[in-house]
Amino acid sequence: MATTEPTETQLREITETDQESSFDMINLIKYRPTAIYESAADNAIGRSGREAYQEYGLVAFPKIIGMGGSLVYKGTCDHQFVGDESQNYDDLIIVRYPSRRAYLEMFNSTEYQEAIKHRKAGLEYRVLHESTPLA
């Protein structure tokens, strides 16, 4: 199922996992050509999906840095080498979080929740992998 948001089950799973260990979130992003907001006023601005996602990032990334997290990698997916068309993403972003507790505090903050409208408007879909570094 293509989506931009976690399910209730996925949210419950992250709250039931070790809350104190650092982890990486691997984001596979597919942008909409044109952002689609719920608000006509926001749609009137005429943002691309990438521009809407950048609006989300203006809130999300300072919050990540403020909690002690970091941007590990951000790159454009230039050429799909293996996989079917449903796995064709625009960008790959890896963020390191200091803990799941910190991530959930950010996720549940009012400021972050308000910024999600830009992510939803800008993305066709995304896949996130919560990952524990092995090395």
C-alpha atoms as a PDB file:
ATOM      1  CA  MET A   1       0.000   0.000   0.000  1.00  0.00           C
ATOM      2  CA  ALA A   2       1.461   3.351  -1.053  1.00  0.00           C
ATOM      3  CA  THR A   3       1.170   5.882   1.756  1.00  0.00           C
ATOM      4  CA  THR A   4       2.919   8.786   3.436  1.00  0.00           C
ATOM      5  CA  GLU A   5       1.964   8.079   7.053  1.00  0.00           C
ATOM      6  CA  PRO A   6       2.586   5.270   9.555  1.00  0.00           C
ATOM      7  CA  THR A   7      -0.247   2.953  10.514  1.00  0.00           C
ATOM      8  CA  GLU A   8      -1.411   2.585  14.111  1.00  0.00           C
ATOM      9  CA  THR A   9       0.371  -0.778  14.221  1.00  0.00           C
ATOM     10  CA  GLN A  10       3.642   0.760  13.010  1.00  0.00           C
ATOM     11  CA  LEU A  11       3.417   3.558  15.581  1.00  0.00           C
ATOM     12  CA  ARG A  12       2.716   1.035  18.331  1.00  0.00           C
ATOM     13  CA  GLU A  13       5.714  -1.080  17.257  1.00  0.00           C
ATOM     14  CA  ILE A  14       8.144   1.857  17.517  1.00  0.00           C
ATOM     15  CA  THR A  15       6.822   2.683  20.991  1.00  0.00           C
ATOM     16  CA  GLU A  16       7.301  -0.938  22.098  1.00  0.00           C
ATOM     17  CA  THR A  17      10.929  -1.121  20.904  1.00  0.00           C
ATOM     18  CA  ASP A  18      14.017  -0.124  22.930  1.00  0.00           C
ATOM     19  CA  GLN A  19      13.464   3.587  23.595  1.00  0.00           C
ATOM     20  CA  GLU A  20      17.023   4.587  24.499  1.00  0.00           C
ATOM     21  CA  SER A  21      19.191   3.266  21.635  1.00  0.00           C
ATOM     22  CA  SER A  22      20.101   5.356  18.613  1.00  0.00           C
ATOM     23  CA  PHE A  23      18.774   4.274  15.227  1.00  0.00           C
ATOM     24  CA  ASP A  24      18.721   5.350  11.613  1.00  0.00           C
ATOM     25  CA  MET A  25      15.585   6.090   9.634  1.00  0.00           C
ATOM     26  CA  ILE A  26      16.020   5.333   5.945  1.00  0.00           C
ATOM     27  CA  ASN A  27      13.546   7.393   3.901  1.00  0.00           C
ATOM     28  CA  LEU A  28      12.719   6.471   0.302  1.00  0.00           C
ATOM     29  CA  ILE A  29      10.799   9.421  -1.112  1.00  0.00           C
ATOM     30  CA  LYS A  30       8.548   9.815  -4.164  1.00  0.00           C
ATOM     31  CA  TYR A  31       7.379  13.387  -4.815  1.00  0.00           C
ATOM     32  CA  ARG A  32       4.160  14.487  -6.456  1.00  0.00           C
ATOM     33  CA  PRO A  33       4.669  16.672  -9.531  1.00  0.00           C
ATOM     34  CA  THR A  34       2.446  19.308  -7.875  1.00  0.00           C
ATOM     35  CA  ALA A  35       1.707  19.457  -4.148  1.00  0.00           C
ATOM     36  CA  ILE A  36      -1.892  18.713  -3.184  1.00  0.00           C
ATOM     37  CA  TYR A  37      -3.016  20.357   0.039  1.00  0.00           C
ATOM     38  CA  GLU A  38      -6.348  20.071   1.833  1.00  0.00           C
ATOM     39  CA  SER A  39      -6.495  23.885   1.900  1.00  0.00           C
ATOM     40  CA  ALA A  40      -7.335  25.880  -1.241  1.00  0.00           C
ATOM     41  CA  ALA A  41      -5.140  28.723   0.055  1.00  0.00           C
ATOM     42  CA  ASP A  42      -2.119  26.404   0.284  1.00  0.00           C
ATOM     43  CA  ASN A  43      -2.868  24.973  -3.174  1.00  0.00           C
ATOM     44  CA  ALA A  44      -3.015  28.492  -4.612  1.00  0.00           C
ATOM     45  CA  ILE A  45       0.703  28.909  -3.842  1.00  0.00           C
ATOM     46  CA  GLY A  46       1.432  26.300  -6.533  1.00  0.00           C
ATOM     47  CA  ARG A  47       4.296  24.403  -4.924  1.00  0.00           C
ATOM     48  CA  SER A  48       5.849  21.362  -6.489  1.00  0.00           C
ATOM     49  CA  GLY A  49       5.897  18.216  -4.365  1.00  0.00           C
ATOM     50  CA  ARG A  50       9.600  18.727  -3.698  1.00  0.00           C
ATOM     51  CA  GLU A  51       8.997  22.341  -2.608  1.00  0.00           C
ATOM     52  CA  ALA A  52       6.220  21.270  -0.226  1.00  0.00           C
ATOM     53  CA  TYR A  53       8.494  18.624   1.277  1.00  0.00           C
ATOM     54  CA  GLN A  54      11.181  21.279   1.722  1.00  0.00           C
ATOM     55  CA  GLU A  55       8.648  23.312   3.763  1.00  0.00           C
ATOM     56  CA  TYR A  56       8.231  20.268   5.992  1.00  0.00           C
ATOM     57  CA  GLY A  57      12.010  19.974   6.244  1.00  0.00           C
ATOM     58  CA  LEU A  58      12.297  23.572   7.482  1.00  0.00           C
ATOM     59  CA  VAL A  59      10.579  22.369  10.661  1.00  0.00           C
ATOM     60  CA  ALA A  60      11.729  18.743  10.833  1.00  0.00           C
ATOM     61  CA  PHE A  61      15.487  19.110  10.329  1.00  0.00           C
ATOM     62  CA  PRO A  62      16.080  21.806  12.991  1.00  0.00           C
ATOM     63  CA  LYS A  63      14.101  19.644  15.432  1.00  0.00           C
ATOM     64  CA  ILE A  64      16.261  16.624  14.520  1.00  0.00           C
ATOM     65  CA  ILE A  65      19.473  18.606  15.040  1.00  0.00           C
ATOM     66  CA  GLY A  66      18.111  20.102  18.268  1.00  0.00           C
ATOM     67  CA  MET A  67      17.539  16.661  19.783  1.00  0.00           C
ATOM     68  CA  GLY A  68      21.046  15.516  18.907  1.00  0.00           C
ATOM     69  CA  GLY A  69      20.184  13.757  15.661  1.00  0.00           C
ATOM     70  CA  SER A  70      21.924  14.198  12.328  1.00  0.00           C
ATOM     71  CA  LEU A  71      21.481  13.942   8.601  1.00  0.00           C
ATOM     72  CA  VAL A  72      23.624  10.944   7.608  1.00  0.00           C
ATOM     73  CA  TYR A  73      22.913  11.011   3.883  1.00  0.00           C
ATOM     74  CA  LYS A  74      20.683  12.763   1.366  1.00  0.00           C
ATOM     75  CA  GLY A  75      20.843  11.993  -2.323  1.00  0.00           C
ATOM     76  CA  THR A  76      18.854  11.854  -5.512  1.00  0.00           C
ATOM     77  CA  CYS A  77      17.958   8.443  -6.929  1.00  0.00           C
ATOM     78  CA  ASP A  78      19.462   8.867 -10.386  1.00  0.00           C
ATOM     79  CA  HIS A  79      18.879   5.485 -11.965  1.00  0.00           C
ATOM     80  CA  GLN A  80      16.819   2.535 -10.840  1.00  0.00           C
ATOM     81  CA  PHE A  81      19.163  -0.392 -11.292  1.00  0.00           C
ATOM     82  CA  VAL A  82      17.120  -3.274  -9.803  1.00  0.00           C
ATOM     83  CA  GLY A  83      13.424  -3.512  -8.941  1.00  0.00           C
ATOM     84  CA  ASP A  84      10.085  -2.842 -10.517  1.00  0.00           C
ATOM     85  CA  GLU A  85       8.635   0.598 -11.287  1.00  0.00           C
ATOM     86  CA  SER A  86       6.779   0.709  -7.972  1.00  0.00           C
ATOM     87  CA  GLN A  87      10.201   0.954  -6.313  1.00  0.00           C
ATOM     88  CA  ASN A  88      11.310   4.002  -8.288  1.00  0.00           C
ATOM     89  CA  TYR A  89      12.022   6.785  -5.762  1.00  0.00           C
ATOM     90  CA  ASP A  90      13.204  10.362  -6.207  1.00  0.00           C
ATOM     91  CA  ASP A  91      15.348  10.789  -3.089  1.00  0.00           C
ATOM     92  CA  LEU A  92      16.958   8.721  -0.354  1.00  0.00           C
ATOM     93  CA  ILE A  93      17.454  10.341   3.057  1.00  0.00           C
ATOM     94  CA  ILE A  94      19.053   8.715   6.093  1.00  0.00           C
ATOM     95  CA  VAL A  95      18.582  10.395   9.470  1.00  0.00           C
ATOM     96  CA  ARG A  96      20.263   9.246  12.685  1.00  0.00           C
ATOM     97  CA  TYR A  97      18.158   9.735  15.810  1.00  0.00           C
ATOM     98  CA  PRO A  98      19.669   9.626  19.303  1.00  0.00           C
ATOM     99  CA  SER A  99      16.794   7.464  20.557  1.00  0.00           C
ATOM    100  CA  ARG A 100      13.267   6.361  19.763  1.00  0.00           C
ATOM    101  CA  ARG A 101      12.119   8.365  22.781  1.00  0.00           C
ATOM    102  CA  ALA A 102      13.553  11.547  21.219  1.00  0.00           C
ATOM    103  CA  TYR A 103      12.014  10.666  17.852  1.00  0.00           C
ATOM    104  CA  LEU A 104       8.583  10.150  19.396  1.00  0.00           C
ATOM    105  CA  GLU A 105       8.818  13.401  21.364  1.00  0.00           C
ATOM    106  CA  MET A 106       9.553  15.224  18.107  1.00  0.00           C
ATOM    107  CA  PHE A 107       6.847  13.314  16.235  1.00  0.00           C
ATOM    108  CA  ASN A 108       4.223  14.199  18.855  1.00  0.00           C
ATOM    109  CA  SER A 109       5.187  17.878  19.168  1.00  0.00           C
ATOM    110  CA  THR A 110       2.625  20.435  18.008  1.00  0.00           C
ATOM    111  CA  GLU A 111       5.085  22.180  15.685  1.00  0.00           C
ATOM    112  CA  TYR A 112       6.031  18.928  13.958  1.00  0.00           C
ATOM    113  CA  GLN A 113       2.419  17.779  13.630  1.00  0.00           C
ATOM    114  CA  GLU A 114       1.534  21.104  11.972  1.00  0.00           C
ATOM    115  CA  ALA A 115       4.382  20.680   9.459  1.00  0.00           C
ATOM    116  CA  ILE A 116       3.151  17.234   8.391  1.00  0.00           C
ATOM    117  CA  LYS A 117       0.599  18.875   6.065  1.00  0.00           C
ATOM    118  CA  HIS A 118       3.508  19.861   3.805  1.00  0.00           C
ATOM    119  CA  ARG A 119       4.884  16.316   3.754  1.00  0.00           C
ATOM    120  CA  LYS A 120       1.464  14.850   2.950  1.00  0.00           C
ATOM    121  CA  ALA A 121       0.904  17.438   0.218  1.00  0.00           C
ATOM    122  CA  GLY A 122       4.303  16.945  -1.355  1.00  0.00           C
ATOM    123  CA  LEU A 123       4.683  13.189  -1.373  1.00  0.00           C
ATOM    124  CA  GLU A 124       3.060  10.628  -3.573  1.00  0.00           C
ATOM    125  CA  TYR A 125       4.382   8.012  -1.159  1.00  0.00           C
ATOM    126  CA  ARG A 126       7.343   7.150   1.011  1.00  0.00           C
ATOM    127  CA  VAL A 127       8.854   4.066   2.568  1.00  0.00           C
ATOM    128  CA  LEU A 128      10.673   4.303   5.887  1.00  0.00           C
ATOM    129  CA  HIS A 129      12.941   1.661   7.318  1.00  0.00           C
ATOM    130  CA  GLU A 130      13.844   1.924  10.997  1.00  0.00           C
ATOM    131  CA  SER A 131      17.358   0.544  11.101  1.00  0.00           C
ATOM    132  CA  THR A 132      19.952  -0.322  13.736  1.00  0.00           C
ATOM    133  CA  PRO A 133      23.516   0.249  12.514  1.00  0.00           C
ATOM    134  CA  LEU A 134      25.624  -2.918  12.590  1.00  0.00           C
ATOM    135  CA  ALA A 135      28.997  -1.172  12.528  1.00  0.00           C
END
